């Protein structure tokens, strides 16, 4: 329910931040203006008795976020991958939110397994460990199948997690409405759409059947990718609140000391994380959208192993091309082309001036490219780009929110492995390769073939459609006759286009294969 009672929840959020001591820590880490720091603390100070105490063994920030609920923990997980934004100390503190939260009992997990699968866990597993990882939505146990002896991971949703998330989401919706009411200018940012997008992502994450399907699809996509792997799902032991999949051994990506001790090349791992993400996003249009350190391991053979597929991103072919052209334009420092792509995609209103927009983009890009490699940041670029697009009336593109957020997270992971990584140089070959494959002659041929397949679906119906059109011509009513001639014209026009496309495709096919 998104009623006024959410005002109390918002007040309690601020009160919890103040009571746990997280308010000044977070504001300082985000380098908030002094006036904002003073105002925020004055507003919430009288209400701090309403705040939750949290786990006093934790540092202030993770203590506050864990006390407030799973949606806030998600926010903390994102910040934990951005030491360049919040500082290394706070990022390290927040890393416990990735997979080291307080677990629920193994007995409850086994009860949930039996309720979902219909079989007693002890009849299926010869071993069922205590929780090995506990995150905001679920926790993971290691098990051993009684019939085969294979090691598996059993993921079980937290009890009542659906209700807890719904409560937080309702508060976010209320806050978004409040922001739109208080600041009409914020409506172009579509805060309600942003929360609705987050709501949809969370609902998908709360159904482990969907996560199992995502893991299976992701595995099929990356089967030929060297140095990257995904565990396979045990479908017979998976359901809405339980998922079972192969166990993945390896060193956690966040433990750099252990990675070095195991002989892994951190710089190469950082490059590969970024390469894989861009490949999956641009090549497949289906990518892991929660690629923080807690969801990545490095196996003994050096493969990066990804797990936790509750949040996956999907972008269509057209959006992929737009995004790639924007990235490529910045890499080539062709700001005019970046501006044109924004206009062609309808991201910027047509009444704006493309040359002025290009100059504004140059003001964004040039200072960044003039920085030392360790300071070149995709996150900083997105921040500056946000400011520029605001001036030119660009609305928030909800279909790109998850992609942009994941790009920021992946950059944070790569930079934690190699602080000197040059994001643009690493991204360049992937983006260039995609541009060549998606906009070159072969891509045109593939697009025409796709169009032909769509038109071919109507092929068997063409004789019937022509016959029906000819029969209707005998109707004496002038208006109907006129309408029939219009329909016939469209029909024969469609047939003519169909033949032209077939001819063109055959010509291109012979040209590509014989020249």
Protein backbone atom coordinates (compact mmCIF):
# COMPACT_ATOMS: atom_id res chain seq x y z
CA UNK A 1 0.00 0.00 0.00
CA UNK A 2 1.50 3.30 -1.13
CA UNK A 3 -0.32 5.54 1.32
CA UNK A 4 0.84 8.32 3.65
CA UNK A 5 2.02 5.75 6.20
CA UNK A 6 5.15 5.59 4.03
CA UNK A 7 6.06 9.03 5.38
CA UNK A 8 6.80 7.33 8.69
CA UNK A 9 8.93 4.75 6.90
CA UNK A 10 10.96 7.48 5.18
CA UNK A 11 11.43 9.27 8.49
CA UNK A 12 12.50 5.99 10.06
CA UNK A 13 15.02 5.47 7.26
CA UNK A 14 16.66 8.80 8.01
CA UNK A 15 16.43 8.13 11.74
CA UNK A 16 18.17 4.77 11.34
CA UNK A 17 20.98 6.37 9.36
CA UNK A 18 21.42 8.94 12.14
CA UNK A 19 21.08 6.54 15.05
CA UNK A 20 23.62 4.09 13.67
CA UNK A 21 26.07 6.88 12.82
CA UNK A 22 25.82 6.08 9.09
CA UNK A 23 24.45 9.48 8.04
CA UNK A 24 27.72 11.45 8.35
CA UNK A 25 29.77 8.51 7.02
CA UNK A 26 27.73 8.20 3.82
CA UNK A 27 27.42 11.97 3.27
CA UNK A 28 31.18 12.42 3.71
CA UNK A 29 31.95 9.51 1.39
CA UNK A 30 29.68 10.98 -1.30
CA UNK A 31 31.34 14.40 -0.78
CA UNK A 32 27.96 16.06 -0.13
CA UNK A 33 27.87 19.87 0.24
CA UNK A 34 28.26 21.14 3.79
CA UNK A 35 24.80 22.75 3.73
CA UNK A 36 23.22 19.42 2.78
CA UNK A 37 25.05 17.62 5.57
CA UNK A 38 23.82 20.15 8.15
CA UNK A 39 20.24 20.20 6.81
CA UNK A 40 19.96 16.41 6.65
CA UNK A 41 21.13 15.94 10.22
CA UNK A 42 18.92 18.72 11.59
CA UNK A 43 15.85 17.20 9.92
CA UNK A 44 16.35 13.64 11.21
CA UNK A 45 17.99 14.32 14.57
CA UNK A 46 14.70 14.80 16.51
CA UNK A 47 13.42 11.46 15.15
CA UNK A 48 16.49 9.31 15.71
CA UNK A 49 14.76 7.46 18.56
CA UNK A 50 12.53 5.93 15.83
CA UNK A 51 15.55 4.45 14.05
CA UNK A 52 16.60 0.83 14.24
CA UNK A 53 19.74 -0.05 16.20
CA UNK A 54 20.99 -2.70 13.81
CA UNK A 55 23.84 -5.12 14.40
CA UNK A 56 26.27 -3.17 16.58
CA UNK A 57 29.15 -5.45 15.59
CA UNK A 58 29.05 -3.98 12.08
CA UNK A 59 30.46 -0.62 10.95
CA UNK A 60 27.86 2.23 10.77
CA UNK A 61 26.96 2.05 7.06
CA UNK A 62 26.38 -1.73 6.69
CA UNK A 63 24.78 -1.70 10.14
CA UNK A 64 22.17 0.83 8.98
CA UNK A 65 21.50 -0.76 5.58
CA UNK A 66 21.05 -4.28 6.97
CA UNK A 67 18.67 -2.90 9.60
CA UNK A 68 16.51 -1.14 6.99
CA UNK A 69 15.81 -4.10 4.73
CA UNK A 70 16.74 -6.00 1.57
CA UNK A 71 16.17 -3.17 -0.92
CA UNK A 72 18.58 -0.94 0.99
CA UNK A 73 21.08 -3.78 1.10
CA UNK A 74 20.95 -3.89 -2.70
CA UNK A 75 21.90 -0.21 -2.73
CA UNK A 76 24.83 -0.94 -0.44
CA UNK A 77 25.99 -3.78 -2.69
CA UNK A 78 26.25 -1.35 -5.60
CA UNK A 79 28.25 1.14 -3.52
CA UNK A 80 30.60 -1.63 -2.38
CA UNK A 81 31.87 -1.96 -5.97
CA UNK A 82 32.63 1.76 -6.28
CA UNK A 83 35.67 2.65 -4.13
CA UNK A 84 36.33 5.52 -6.54
CA UNK A 85 32.95 6.99 -5.51
CA UNK A 86 32.69 6.22 -1.78
CA UNK A 87 36.34 5.61 -0.94
CA UNK A 88 38.18 2.34 -0.38
CA UNK A 89 37.45 2.17 3.36
CA UNK A 90 33.66 2.42 3.02
CA UNK A 91 33.65 0.11 -0.02
CA UNK A 92 35.47 -2.55 2.02
CA UNK A 93 32.98 -2.15 4.87
CA UNK A 94 30.01 -2.53 2.53
CA UNK A 95 31.41 -5.67 0.92
CA UNK A 96 29.95 -7.77 3.74
CA UNK A 97 26.54 -7.01 2.19
CA UNK A 98 27.39 -9.11 -0.86
CA UNK A 99 27.34 -12.54 0.75
CA UNK A 100 28.09 -12.25 4.48
CA UNK A 101 24.75 -11.24 5.99
CA UNK A 102 23.26 -13.03 9.02
CA UNK A 103 21.86 -16.40 7.83
CA UNK A 104 18.67 -18.17 8.82
CA UNK A 105 18.80 -21.69 10.22
CA UNK A 106 19.62 -24.77 8.15
CA UNK A 107 16.53 -26.46 9.61
CA UNK A 108 14.31 -23.76 8.04
CA UNK A 109 16.17 -24.17 4.74
CA UNK A 110 15.51 -27.92 4.72
CA UNK A 111 11.85 -27.34 5.55
CA UNK A 112 11.60 -24.91 2.63
CA UNK A 113 13.24 -27.49 0.33
CA UNK A 114 10.72 -30.18 1.30
CA UNK A 115 7.78 -27.78 0.95
CA UNK A 116 8.89 -26.78 -2.57
CA UNK A 117 10.26 -30.03 -4.03
CA UNK A 118 8.09 -32.48 -2.10
CA UNK A 119 11.06 -34.62 -1.01
CA UNK A 120 12.88 -34.65 2.29
CA UNK A 121 16.31 -33.01 1.89
CA UNK A 122 18.00 -35.87 3.78
CA UNK A 123 16.65 -38.34 1.20
CA UNK A 124 18.23 -36.36 -1.65
CA UNK A 125 21.50 -35.18 -0.12
CA UNK A 126 24.09 -37.19 1.76
CA UNK A 127 25.42 -33.86 3.04
CA UNK A 128 23.66 -30.52 3.55
CA UNK A 129 26.03 -27.90 5.00
CA UNK A 130 25.43 -24.87 7.14
CA UNK A 131 25.04 -21.64 5.06
CA UNK A 132 28.18 -20.84 3.10
CA UNK A 133 26.88 -17.48 1.85
CA UNK A 134 23.96 -15.30 2.90
CA UNK A 135 22.79 -12.31 0.86
CA UNK A 136 19.81 -9.98 0.93
CA UNK A 137 17.32 -12.34 -0.73
CA UNK A 138 18.59 -15.88 -0.25
CA UNK A 139 21.35 -17.99 1.21
CA UNK A 140 23.36 -20.85 -0.22
CA UNK A 141 24.20 -24.27 1.24
CA UNK A 142 26.63 -26.82 -0.13
CA UNK A 143 25.21 -30.28 -0.64
CA UNK A 144 26.22 -33.65 -2.00
CA UNK A 145 23.78 -35.68 -4.08
CA UNK A 146 23.16 -39.06 -2.51
CA UNK A 147 22.81 -40.93 -5.83
CA UNK A 148 25.81 -39.50 -7.74
CA UNK A 149 28.06 -37.94 -5.12
CA UNK A 150 28.25 -34.67 -7.07
CA UNK A 151 28.64 -31.43 -5.11
CA UNK A 152 25.86 -28.91 -5.62
CA UNK A 153 24.82 -25.48 -4.38
CA UNK A 154 21.32 -25.20 -2.89
CA UNK A 155 19.92 -21.69 -2.93
CA UNK A 156 16.92 -21.00 -0.68
CA UNK A 157 14.92 -17.78 -0.41
CA UNK A 158 14.74 -16.09 2.98
CA UNK A 159 11.46 -16.61 4.88
CA UNK A 160 8.95 -13.79 4.28
CA UNK A 161 11.36 -12.04 1.89
CA UNK A 162 8.58 -11.27 -0.58
CA UNK A 163 6.66 -9.26 2.01
CA UNK A 164 9.78 -7.41 3.17
CA UNK A 165 10.69 -6.36 -0.37
CA UNK A 166 7.14 -5.27 -1.14
CA UNK A 167 7.20 -3.02 1.91
CA UNK A 168 10.43 -1.36 0.78
CA UNK A 169 9.24 -1.01 -2.82
CA UNK A 170 6.01 0.67 -1.66
CA UNK A 171 8.11 3.20 0.25
CA UNK A 172 10.24 3.85 -2.85
CA UNK A 173 7.11 4.43 -4.95
CA UNK A 174 5.84 6.90 -2.39
CA UNK A 175 9.19 8.70 -2.33
CA UNK A 176 9.18 8.89 -6.15
CA UNK A 177 5.69 10.43 -6.16
CA UNK A 178 6.80 12.88 -3.51
CA UNK A 179 9.84 13.90 -5.55
CA UNK A 180 7.68 14.45 -8.65
CA UNK A 181 5.24 16.57 -6.64
CA UNK A 182 7.86 18.70 -4.90
CA UNK A 183 10.11 19.09 -7.96
CA UNK A 184 8.21 19.08 -11.30
CA UNK A 185 11.56 19.32 -13.14
CA UNK A 186 12.41 15.84 -11.88
CA UNK A 187 9.59 14.32 -13.94
CA UNK A 188 11.78 14.15 -17.02
CA UNK A 189 13.92 11.67 -15.03
CA UNK A 190 10.84 9.44 -14.70
CA UNK A 191 11.37 8.47 -11.05
CA UNK A 192 8.18 6.39 -11.08
CA UNK A 193 9.36 4.47 -14.15
CA UNK A 194 12.76 3.93 -12.54
CA UNK A 195 11.15 2.43 -9.43
CA UNK A 196 8.78 0.37 -11.59
CA UNK A 197 11.82 -0.99 -13.44
CA UNK A 198 13.53 -1.86 -10.15
CA UNK A 199 10.27 -3.43 -8.95
CA UNK A 200 10.14 -5.68 -12.01
CA UNK A 201 13.76 -6.73 -11.57
CA UNK A 202 13.18 -7.59 -7.92
CA UNK A 203 10.03 -9.60 -8.64
CA UNK A 204 12.02 -11.67 -11.12
CA UNK A 205 14.73 -12.24 -8.52
CA UNK A 206 12.15 -13.52 -6.03
CA UNK A 207 11.12 -16.39 -8.34
CA UNK A 208 13.96 -18.89 -8.55
CA UNK A 209 12.30 -20.64 -11.49
CA UNK A 210 13.06 -17.55 -13.55
CA UNK A 211 16.61 -17.48 -12.21
CA UNK A 212 17.05 -21.12 -13.22
CA UNK A 213 15.85 -20.30 -16.73
CA UNK A 214 18.23 -17.32 -16.90
CA UNK A 215 21.16 -19.48 -15.79
CA UNK A 216 20.33 -22.06 -18.45
CA UNK A 217 20.07 -19.44 -21.22
CA UNK A 218 23.24 -17.69 -20.06
CA UNK A 219 25.14 -20.99 -20.06
CA UNK A 220 24.05 -21.66 -23.65
CA UNK A 221 25.21 -18.20 -24.74
CA UNK A 222 28.68 -18.37 -23.16
CA UNK A 223 29.47 -22.00 -23.96
CA UNK A 224 32.20 -20.94 -26.42
CA UNK A 225 33.66 -18.14 -24.28
CA UNK A 226 37.14 -19.04 -23.08
CA UNK A 227 37.98 -18.14 -19.51
CA UNK A 228 34.35 -17.77 -18.39
CA UNK A 229 31.95 -20.43 -17.09
CA UNK A 230 28.54 -20.87 -15.49
CA UNK A 231 27.29 -23.82 -13.37
CA UNK A 232 24.40 -25.86 -14.78
CA UNK A 233 20.99 -26.12 -13.12
CA UNK A 234 19.50 -29.29 -11.62
CA UNK A 235 15.95 -28.74 -12.82
CA UNK A 236 14.38 -31.66 -10.93
CA UNK A 237 15.59 -30.11 -7.64
CA UNK A 238 14.60 -26.51 -8.40
CA UNK A 239 11.36 -24.63 -7.84
CA UNK A 240 10.02 -21.14 -7.04
CA UNK A 241 11.83 -20.76 -3.71
CA UNK A 242 14.64 -23.30 -4.15
CA UNK A 243 17.31 -23.65 -6.83
CA UNK A 244 19.93 -26.39 -7.10
CA UNK A 245 22.93 -26.17 -9.43
CA UNK A 246 26.46 -27.52 -9.79
CA UNK A 247 28.90 -26.37 -7.13
CA UNK A 248 31.55 -23.93 -8.35
CA UNK A 249 34.91 -24.15 -6.61
CA UNK A 250 37.18 -21.13 -6.69
CA UNK A 251 38.63 -18.09 -4.96
CA UNK A 252 36.15 -15.23 -4.36
CA UNK A 253 36.80 -12.35 -6.75
CA UNK A 254 36.84 -9.90 -3.85
CA UNK A 255 39.74 -11.63 -2.09
CA UNK A 256 42.67 -10.15 -3.99
CA UNK A 257 45.26 -11.50 -1.53
CA UNK A 258 44.01 -15.06 -2.06
CA UNK A 259 43.93 -14.54 -5.85
CA UNK A 260 47.56 -13.42 -5.80
CA UNK A 261 48.51 -16.32 -3.55
CA UNK A 262 46.89 -18.71 -6.04
CA UNK A 263 49.02 -17.25 -8.84
CA UNK A 264 46.29 -15.44 -10.77
CA UNK A 265 47.08 -12.34 -12.83
CA UNK A 266 44.87 -9.60 -11.37
CA UNK A 267 45.39 -7.22 -14.28
CA UNK A 268 44.33 -9.86 -16.81
CA UNK A 269 41.31 -10.81 -14.69
CA UNK A 270 40.22 -7.15 -14.57
CA UNK A 271 40.42 -6.89 -18.36
CA UNK A 272 38.52 -10.16 -18.81
CA UNK A 273 35.65 -9.15 -16.51
CA UNK A 274 35.07 -6.04 -18.63
CA UNK A 275 35.52 -7.93 -21.92
CA UNK A 276 32.99 -10.58 -20.95
CA UNK A 277 30.38 -8.10 -19.80
CA UNK A 278 30.61 -6.09 -23.04
CA UNK A 279 30.52 -9.28 -25.11
CA UNK A 280 27.41 -10.54 -23.37
CA UNK A 281 25.66 -7.16 -23.53
CA UNK A 282 26.50 -6.32 -27.15
CA UNK A 283 26.83 -9.73 -28.79
CA UNK A 284 24.03 -11.57 -26.97
CA UNK A 285 21.85 -8.78 -25.60
CA UNK A 286 21.60 -10.87 -22.42
CA UNK A 287 23.98 -10.14 -19.58
CA UNK A 288 24.57 -10.78 -15.88
CA UNK A 289 23.31 -7.57 -14.27
CA UNK A 290 24.61 -8.20 -10.76
CA UNK A 291 28.30 -8.81 -11.41
CA UNK A 292 29.74 -7.66 -8.09
CA UNK A 293 32.59 -9.54 -6.39
CA UNK A 294 30.22 -11.62 -4.28
CA UNK A 295 28.82 -13.27 -7.43
CA UNK A 296 32.15 -14.08 -9.07
CA UNK A 297 34.85 -16.66 -8.36
CA UNK A 298 38.10 -17.62 -10.05
CA UNK A 299 38.57 -21.38 -10.50
CA UNK A 300 41.90 -23.18 -10.22
CA UNK A 301 42.27 -23.19 -14.02
CA UNK A 302 41.83 -19.40 -14.13
CA UNK A 303 38.23 -19.32 -15.39
CA UNK A 304 35.93 -16.63 -14.05
CA UNK A 305 32.85 -18.39 -12.69
CA UNK A 306 29.61 -16.40 -12.42
CA UNK A 307 26.64 -17.35 -10.29
CA UNK A 308 23.49 -15.77 -8.80
CA UNK A 309 21.40 -15.07 -11.89
CA UNK A 310 18.49 -13.35 -10.18
CA UNK A 311 19.11 -10.06 -12.00
CA UNK A 312 19.75 -10.42 -15.73
CA UNK A 313 19.61 -7.67 -18.32
CA UNK A 314 18.13 -7.88 -21.82
CA UNK A 315 18.45 -5.28 -24.58
CA UNK A 316 17.17 -5.56 -28.14
CA UNK A 317 19.38 -5.39 -31.22
CA UNK A 318 18.51 -1.78 -32.06
CA UNK A 319 19.31 -0.52 -28.54
CA UNK A 320 22.57 -2.47 -28.59
CA UNK A 321 23.63 -0.74 -31.77
CA UNK A 322 22.75 2.67 -30.36
CA UNK A 323 24.64 2.00 -27.14
CA UNK A 324 27.67 0.65 -29.03
CA UNK A 325 27.75 3.65 -31.36
CA UNK A 326 27.64 6.02 -28.39
CA UNK A 327 30.52 4.18 -26.68
CA UNK A 328 32.46 3.95 -29.93
CA UNK A 329 31.96 7.65 -30.60
CA UNK A 330 33.41 8.53 -27.21
CA UNK A 331 36.31 6.11 -27.72
CA UNK A 332 37.07 7.74 -31.10
CA UNK A 333 36.31 11.18 -29.62
CA UNK A 334 33.84 11.74 -32.46
CA UNK A 335 31.40 13.87 -30.48
CA UNK A 336 29.40 14.93 -33.54
CA UNK A 337 28.57 11.29 -34.25
CA UNK A 338 27.64 10.68 -30.60
CA UNK A 339 25.28 13.65 -30.79
CA UNK A 340 23.75 12.42 -34.06
CA UNK A 341 23.13 8.97 -32.57
CA UNK A 342 21.26 10.55 -29.65
CA UNK A 343 19.04 12.44 -32.11
CA UNK A 344 18.54 9.47 -34.46
CA UNK A 345 17.46 7.27 -31.54
CA UNK A 346 15.04 9.93 -30.30
CA UNK A 347 16.89 10.30 -27.01
CA UNK A 348 17.14 14.09 -27.44
CA UNK A 349 14.16 16.18 -28.68
CA UNK A 350 14.37 17.17 -32.34
CA UNK A 351 13.93 20.87 -31.54
CA UNK A 352 17.40 20.91 -29.97
CA UNK A 353 20.54 21.85 -31.92
CA UNK A 354 22.77 18.89 -32.79
CA UNK A 355 25.93 21.03 -33.08
CA UNK A 356 25.40 22.60 -29.66
CA UNK A 357 24.79 19.15 -28.21
CA UNK A 358 28.02 17.88 -29.80
CA UNK A 359 29.96 20.76 -28.25
CA UNK A 360 28.45 19.98 -24.86
CA UNK A 361 29.51 16.33 -25.27
CA UNK A 362 33.05 17.44 -26.12
CA UNK A 363 33.11 19.39 -22.86
CA UNK A 364 32.19 16.10 -21.14
CA UNK A 365 34.65 13.83 -22.93
CA UNK A 366 37.83 15.84 -23.36
CA UNK A 367 38.55 16.45 -19.65
CA UNK A 368 38.07 12.73 -18.95
CA UNK A 369 40.39 11.61 -21.76
CA UNK A 370 42.99 14.05 -20.53
CA UNK A 371 43.15 12.31 -17.17
CA UNK A 372 45.56 9.65 -16.00
CA UNK A 373 44.42 6.11 -16.91
CA UNK A 374 43.56 5.34 -13.28
CA UNK A 375 41.09 8.25 -13.22
CA UNK A 376 39.33 7.53 -16.52
CA UNK A 377 35.94 6.32 -15.34
CA UNK A 378 32.82 5.14 -17.14
CA UNK A 379 30.89 6.09 -14.02
CA UNK A 380 32.24 9.64 -14.17
CA UNK A 381 31.36 9.84 -17.85
CA UNK A 382 27.78 8.74 -17.15
CA UNK A 383 27.54 11.32 -14.36
CA UNK A 384 28.72 14.16 -16.60
CA UNK A 385 26.60 12.92 -19.50
CA UNK A 386 23.57 13.00 -17.20
CA UNK A 387 24.18 16.70 -16.50
CA UNK A 388 24.48 17.52 -20.20
CA UNK A 389 21.39 15.58 -21.29
CA UNK A 390 19.40 17.35 -18.57
CA UNK A 391 20.17 20.69 -20.24
CA UNK A 392 18.95 19.33 -23.58
CA UNK A 393 15.71 17.84 -22.28
CA UNK A 394 16.64 14.17 -22.60
CA UNK A 395 14.30 11.91 -20.63
CA UNK A 396 15.47 8.94 -18.60
CA UNK A 397 15.71 5.80 -20.74
CA UNK A 398 14.42 3.07 -18.47
CA UNK A 399 15.59 0.34 -20.88
CA UNK A 400 19.19 1.48 -20.31
CA UNK A 401 19.06 1.85 -16.53
CA UNK A 402 20.12 -1.73 -15.79
CA UNK A 403 22.80 -1.67 -18.49
CA UNK A 404 24.32 1.58 -17.21
CA UNK A 405 24.15 0.47 -13.59
CA UNK A 406 25.85 -2.83 -14.42
CA UNK A 407 28.51 -1.02 -16.42
CA UNK A 408 29.32 1.02 -13.32
CA UNK A 409 29.42 -2.11 -11.12
CA UNK A 410 31.62 -4.05 -13.56
CA UNK A 411 34.00 -1.11 -13.83
CA UNK A 412 34.24 -1.11 -10.04
CA UNK A 413 35.09 -4.82 -10.03
CA UNK A 414 37.72 -4.39 -12.75
CA UNK A 415 39.27 -1.43 -10.96
CA UNK A 416 39.42 -3.34 -7.66
CA UNK A 417 41.60 -5.91 -9.46
CA UNK A 418 43.66 -3.36 -11.36
CA UNK A 419 43.47 0.25 -10.11
CA UNK A 420 45.46 1.40 -13.17
CA UNK A 421 43.11 -0.13 -15.74
CA UNK A 422 42.27 2.07 -18.73
CA UNK A 423 38.59 1.34 -19.21
CA UNK A 424 38.45 2.80 -22.71
CA UNK A 425 41.44 0.90 -24.07
CA UNK A 426 40.09 -2.38 -22.70
CA UNK A 427 36.61 -1.74 -24.11
CA UNK A 428 37.81 -0.54 -27.52
CA UNK A 429 38.38 -3.91 -29.32
CA UNK A 430 35.06 -5.33 -28.13
CA UNK A 431 33.06 -2.27 -29.19
CA UNK A 432 34.92 -1.95 -32.51
CA UNK A 433 34.33 -5.62 -33.27
CA UNK A 434 30.64 -5.30 -32.55
CA UNK A 435 30.33 -2.16 -34.71
CA UNK A 436 31.96 -3.95 -37.65
CA UNK A 437 29.80 -7.05 -37.30
CA UNK A 438 26.51 -5.19 -36.71
CA UNK A 439 26.84 -2.33 -39.23
CA UNK A 440 28.91 -3.88 -42.05
CA UNK A 441 27.78 -5.65 -45.28
CA UNK A 442 27.27 -8.99 -43.52
CA UNK A 443 25.04 -7.29 -40.96
CA UNK A 444 22.97 -5.71 -43.76
CA UNK A 445 22.59 -9.13 -45.35
CA UNK A 446 21.50 -10.67 -42.04
CA UNK A 447 18.97 -7.87 -41.50
CA UNK A 448 17.51 -8.47 -44.96
CA UNK A 449 17.31 -12.20 -44.28
CA UNK A 450 15.43 -11.51 -41.06
CA UNK A 451 13.04 -9.22 -42.93
CA UNK A 452 12.55 -11.89 -45.59
CA UNK A 453 11.71 -14.49 -42.97
CA UNK A 454 9.04 -12.20 -41.52
CA UNK A 455 7.54 -11.54 -44.96
CA UNK A 456 7.74 -15.24 -45.84
CA UNK A 457 5.26 -15.99 -43.07
CA UNK A 458 2.63 -14.27 -45.21
CA UNK A 459 3.61 -16.22 -48.36
CA UNK A 460 1.12 -19.09 -47.91
CA UNK A 461 -1.65 -16.56 -47.29
CA UNK A 462 -1.00 -14.42 -50.40
CA UNK A 463 -3.20 -16.49 -52.83
CA UNK A 464 -6.11 -16.41 -50.39
CA UNK A 465 -5.70 -12.70 -49.75
CA UNK A 466 -5.62 -11.96 -53.50
CA UNK A 467 -8.70 -14.10 -54.11
CA UNK A 468 -10.62 -12.39 -51.30
CA UNK A 469 -9.62 -8.97 -52.60
CA UNK A 470 -10.78 -9.80 -56.15
CA UNK A 471 -14.13 -11.12 -54.89
CA UNK A 472 -14.73 -7.97 -52.88
CA UNK A 473 -14.15 -5.84 -56.00
CA UNK A 474 -17.58 -6.90 -57.30
CA UNK A 475 -19.25 -4.95 -54.49
CA UNK A 476 -21.05 -2.00 -56.17
CA UNK A 477 -20.81 0.42 -53.25
CA UNK A 478 -18.38 3.18 -54.31
CA UNK A 479 -16.81 3.65 -50.88
CA UNK A 480 -16.23 -0.07 -50.43
CA UNK A 481 -14.84 -0.36 -53.97
CA UNK A 482 -12.46 2.48 -53.24
CA UNK A 483 -11.38 0.76 -50.07
CA UNK A 484 -10.85 -2.52 -51.96
CA UNK A 485 -8.67 -0.86 -54.56
CA UNK A 486 -6.64 0.65 -51.74
CA UNK A 487 -6.27 -2.78 -50.16
CA UNK A 488 -5.28 -4.32 -53.50
CA UNK A 489 -2.69 -1.62 -54.07
CA UNK A 490 -1.16 -2.29 -50.67
CA UNK A 491 -1.28 -6.03 -51.26
CA UNK A 492 0.44 -5.92 -54.65
CA UNK A 493 2.89 -3.37 -53.28
CA UNK A 494 3.78 -5.81 -50.53
CA UNK A 495 4.28 -8.55 -53.11
CA UNK A 496 6.50 -6.29 -55.21
CA UNK A 497 8.63 -5.37 -52.17
CA UNK A 498 8.84 -9.04 -51.29
CA UNK A 499 10.23 -9.91 -54.75
CA UNK A 500 12.67 -7.00 -54.65
CA UNK A 501 13.99 -8.12 -51.29
CA UNK A 502 14.46 -11.69 -52.52
CA UNK A 503 16.39 -10.41 -55.54
CA UNK A 504 18.53 -8.09 -53.41
CA UNK A 505 19.31 -10.81 -50.88
CA UNK A 506 20.33 -13.27 -53.59
CA UNK A 507 22.56 -10.62 -55.13
CA UNK A 508 24.22 -9.82 -51.79
CA UNK A 509 24.62 -13.50 -51.01
CA UNK A 510 26.45 -14.13 -54.30
CA UNK A 511 28.51 -10.97 -53.87
CA UNK A 512 29.61 -11.85 -50.34
CA UNK A 513 30.39 -15.47 -51.12
CA UNK A 514 32.08 -15.09 -54.53
CA UNK A 515 33.86 -11.70 -54.44
